[in-house]
């Protein structure tokens, strides 16, 4: 997901999206532990998306202060 797309979302939507990505990452970790994960690069992509969302949330909070 591109940072510009994320910046267009509201704070609530970003928090919800972060929660959904964390759930997906947890499921992928279980699949990886069981040897059922087909695309290991997906975990890396999701972790980066979570980091992007967290960065944008911090930027939003610093702008309001």
N, C-alpha and C. Protein backbone atom coordinates (compact mmCIF):
# COMPACT_ATOMS: atom_id res chain seq x y z
N UNK A 1 0.85 -1.17 0.00
CA UNK A 1 0.00 0.00 0.00
C UNK A 1 0.89 1.23 0.00
N UNK A 2 0.54 2.19 -0.80
CA UNK A 2 1.36 3.38 -0.93
C UNK A 2 1.06 4.37 0.19
N UNK A 3 2.09 5.09 0.65
CA UNK A 3 1.90 6.06 1.73
C UNK A 3 0.88 7.15 1.39
N UNK A 4 0.83 7.55 0.15
CA UNK A 4 -0.11 8.60 -0.25
C UNK A 4 -1.55 8.12 -0.06
N UNK A 5 -1.81 6.87 -0.38
CA UNK A 5 -3.15 6.31 -0.19
C UNK A 5 -3.51 6.29 1.29
N UNK A 6 -2.54 5.97 2.12
CA UNK A 6 -2.79 5.91 3.56
C UNK A 6 -3.04 7.30 4.15
N UNK A 7 -2.34 8.29 3.64
CA UNK A 7 -2.50 9.65 4.16
C UNK A 7 -3.90 10.22 3.88
N UNK A 8 -4.56 9.68 2.89
CA UNK A 8 -5.91 10.13 2.55
C UNK A 8 -6.97 9.57 3.50
N UNK A 9 -6.62 8.54 4.26
CA UNK A 9 -7.57 7.91 5.18
C UNK A 9 -7.63 8.67 6.50
N UNK A 10 -8.74 8.51 7.20
CA UNK A 10 -8.88 9.14 8.51
C UNK A 10 -8.12 8.33 9.56
N UNK A 11 -7.98 8.91 10.73
CA UNK A 11 -7.25 8.26 11.81
C UNK A 11 -7.93 6.94 12.23
N UNK A 12 -9.26 6.97 12.31
CA UNK A 12 -10.00 5.76 12.69
C UNK A 12 -9.81 4.65 11.66
N UNK A 13 -9.84 5.01 10.39
CA UNK A 13 -9.66 4.01 9.34
C UNK A 13 -8.25 3.43 9.39
N UNK A 14 -7.26 4.27 9.69
CA UNK A 14 -5.89 3.77 9.79
C UNK A 14 -5.73 2.80 10.95
N UNK A 15 -6.34 3.13 12.07
CA UNK A 15 -6.27 2.24 13.23
C UNK A 15 -6.94 0.91 12.91
N UNK A 16 -8.08 0.95 12.24
CA UNK A 16 -8.80 -0.26 11.87
C UNK A 16 -7.97 -1.09 10.88
N UNK A 17 -7.36 -0.42 9.91
CA UNK A 17 -6.54 -1.12 8.92
C UNK A 17 -5.33 -1.76 9.60
N UNK A 18 -4.73 -1.06 10.57
CA UNK A 18 -3.59 -1.60 11.30
C UNK A 18 -4.00 -2.87 12.05
N UNK A 19 -5.15 -2.84 12.67
CA UNK A 19 -5.65 -3.99 13.40
C UNK A 19 -5.88 -5.18 12.47
N UNK A 20 -6.44 -4.93 11.31
CA UNK A 20 -6.68 -5.99 10.34
C UNK A 20 -5.36 -6.60 9.87
N UNK A 21 -4.37 -5.75 9.64
CA UNK A 21 -3.07 -6.25 9.18
C UNK A 21 -2.37 -7.07 10.27
N UNK A 22 -2.53 -6.65 11.52
CA UNK A 22 -1.95 -7.43 12.61
C UNK A 22 -2.58 -8.81 12.68
N UNK A 23 -3.89 -8.90 12.49
CA UNK A 23 -4.57 -10.19 12.47
C UNK A 23 -4.06 -11.07 11.32
N UNK A 24 -3.90 -10.47 10.15
CA UNK A 24 -3.39 -11.21 9.01
C UNK A 24 -1.98 -11.73 9.28
N UNK A 25 -1.15 -10.88 9.90
CA UNK A 25 0.22 -11.26 10.19
C UNK A 25 0.26 -12.42 11.18
N UNK A 26 -0.62 -12.39 12.16
CA UNK A 26 -0.68 -13.48 13.13
C UNK A 26 -1.04 -14.79 12.44
N UNK A 27 -2.02 -14.75 11.55
CA UNK A 27 -2.42 -15.95 10.82
C UNK A 27 -1.28 -16.48 9.94
N UNK A 28 -0.54 -15.55 9.32
CA UNK A 28 0.58 -15.96 8.48
C UNK A 28 1.69 -16.57 9.32
N UNK A 29 1.90 -16.06 10.51
CA UNK A 29 2.92 -16.64 11.39
C UNK A 29 2.56 -18.07 11.78
N UNK A 30 1.30 -18.32 12.06
CA UNK A 30 0.87 -19.68 12.37
C UNK A 30 1.08 -20.60 11.17
N UNK A 31 0.72 -20.11 9.99
CA UNK A 31 0.92 -20.92 8.78
C UNK A 31 2.40 -21.21 8.57
N UNK A 32 3.24 -20.21 8.82
CA UNK A 32 4.68 -20.39 8.64
C UNK A 32 5.23 -21.43 9.63
N UNK A 33 4.77 -21.37 10.86
CA UNK A 33 5.22 -22.31 11.88
C UNK A 33 4.79 -23.75 11.54
N UNK A 34 3.66 -23.88 10.90
CA UNK A 34 3.16 -25.21 10.53
C UNK A 34 3.70 -25.69 9.18
N UNK A 35 4.43 -24.83 8.49
CA UNK A 35 4.98 -25.19 7.20
C UNK A 35 3.98 -25.10 6.07
N UNK A 36 2.90 -24.36 6.26
CA UNK A 36 1.87 -24.26 5.24
C UNK A 36 1.92 -22.96 4.45
N UNK A 37 2.84 -22.07 4.79
CA UNK A 37 2.89 -20.77 4.14
C UNK A 37 3.53 -20.89 2.76
N UNK A 38 2.82 -20.44 1.74
CA UNK A 38 3.33 -20.54 0.38
C UNK A 38 4.15 -19.31 -0.02
N UNK A 39 3.74 -18.14 0.45
CA UNK A 39 4.41 -16.91 0.05
C UNK A 39 4.95 -16.20 1.30
N UNK A 40 6.20 -16.45 1.62
CA UNK A 40 6.81 -15.87 2.82
C UNK A 40 7.03 -14.37 2.68
N UNK A 41 7.11 -13.87 1.47
CA UNK A 41 7.31 -12.44 1.24
C UNK A 41 6.10 -11.62 1.68
N UNK A 42 4.95 -12.26 1.77
CA UNK A 42 3.73 -11.57 2.21
C UNK A 42 3.88 -11.06 3.64
N UNK A 43 4.58 -11.80 4.49
CA UNK A 43 4.79 -11.37 5.87
C UNK A 43 5.59 -10.06 5.90
N UNK A 44 6.60 -9.97 5.07
CA UNK A 44 7.42 -8.77 5.00
C UNK A 44 6.61 -7.57 4.53
N UNK A 45 5.77 -7.79 3.53
CA UNK A 45 4.93 -6.73 3.00
C UNK A 45 3.96 -6.21 4.06
N UNK A 46 3.36 -7.11 4.81
CA UNK A 46 2.40 -6.71 5.84
C UNK A 46 3.11 -5.96 6.96
N UNK A 47 4.29 -6.43 7.37
CA UNK A 47 5.04 -5.71 8.41
C UNK A 47 5.37 -4.29 7.96
N UNK A 48 5.73 -4.12 6.71
CA UNK A 48 6.05 -2.78 6.20
C UNK A 48 4.81 -1.89 6.15
N UNK A 49 3.68 -2.47 5.77
CA UNK A 49 2.43 -1.70 5.76
C UNK A 49 2.06 -1.25 7.16
N UNK A 50 2.25 -2.12 8.14
CA UNK A 50 1.97 -1.73 9.54
C UNK A 50 2.88 -0.59 9.96
N UNK A 51 4.15 -0.67 9.59
CA UNK A 51 5.09 0.39 9.93
C UNK A 51 4.70 1.71 9.27
N UNK A 52 4.26 1.65 8.02
CA UNK A 52 3.82 2.86 7.32
C UNK A 52 2.62 3.50 8.03
N UNK A 53 1.68 2.66 8.41
CA UNK A 53 0.50 3.18 9.10
C UNK A 53 0.88 3.83 10.41
N UNK A 54 1.75 3.17 11.18
CA UNK A 54 2.18 3.74 12.46
C UNK A 54 2.89 5.08 12.26
N UNK A 55 3.72 5.17 11.23
CA UNK A 55 4.43 6.41 10.94
C UNK A 55 3.45 7.53 10.61
N UNK A 56 2.47 7.24 9.80
CA UNK A 56 1.49 8.25 9.42
C UNK A 56 0.64 8.66 10.61
N UNK A 57 0.30 7.72 11.49
CA UNK A 57 -0.45 8.07 12.69
C UNK A 57 0.36 9.01 13.59
N UNK A 58 1.66 8.76 13.71
CA UNK A 58 2.51 9.66 14.50
C UNK A 58 2.58 11.03 13.85
N UNK A 59 2.68 11.08 12.54
CA UNK A 59 2.71 12.37 11.83
C UNK A 59 1.41 13.14 12.08
N UNK A 60 0.28 12.43 12.06
CA UNK A 60 -1.00 13.10 12.29
C UNK A 60 -1.07 13.67 13.71
N UNK A 61 -0.56 12.92 14.68
CA UNK A 61 -0.60 13.38 16.06
C UNK A 61 0.32 14.58 16.29
N UNK A 62 1.45 14.59 15.63
CA UNK A 62 2.36 15.72 15.81
C UNK A 62 1.86 16.98 15.12
N UNK A 63 1.09 16.82 14.06
CA UNK A 63 0.52 17.99 13.38
C UNK A 63 -0.55 18.65 14.23
N UNK A 64 -1.29 17.86 14.98
CA UNK A 64 -2.37 18.43 15.80
C UNK A 64 -1.85 19.06 17.09
N UNK A 65 -0.63 18.73 17.48
CA UNK A 65 -0.09 19.29 18.71
C UNK A 65 0.54 20.62 18.51
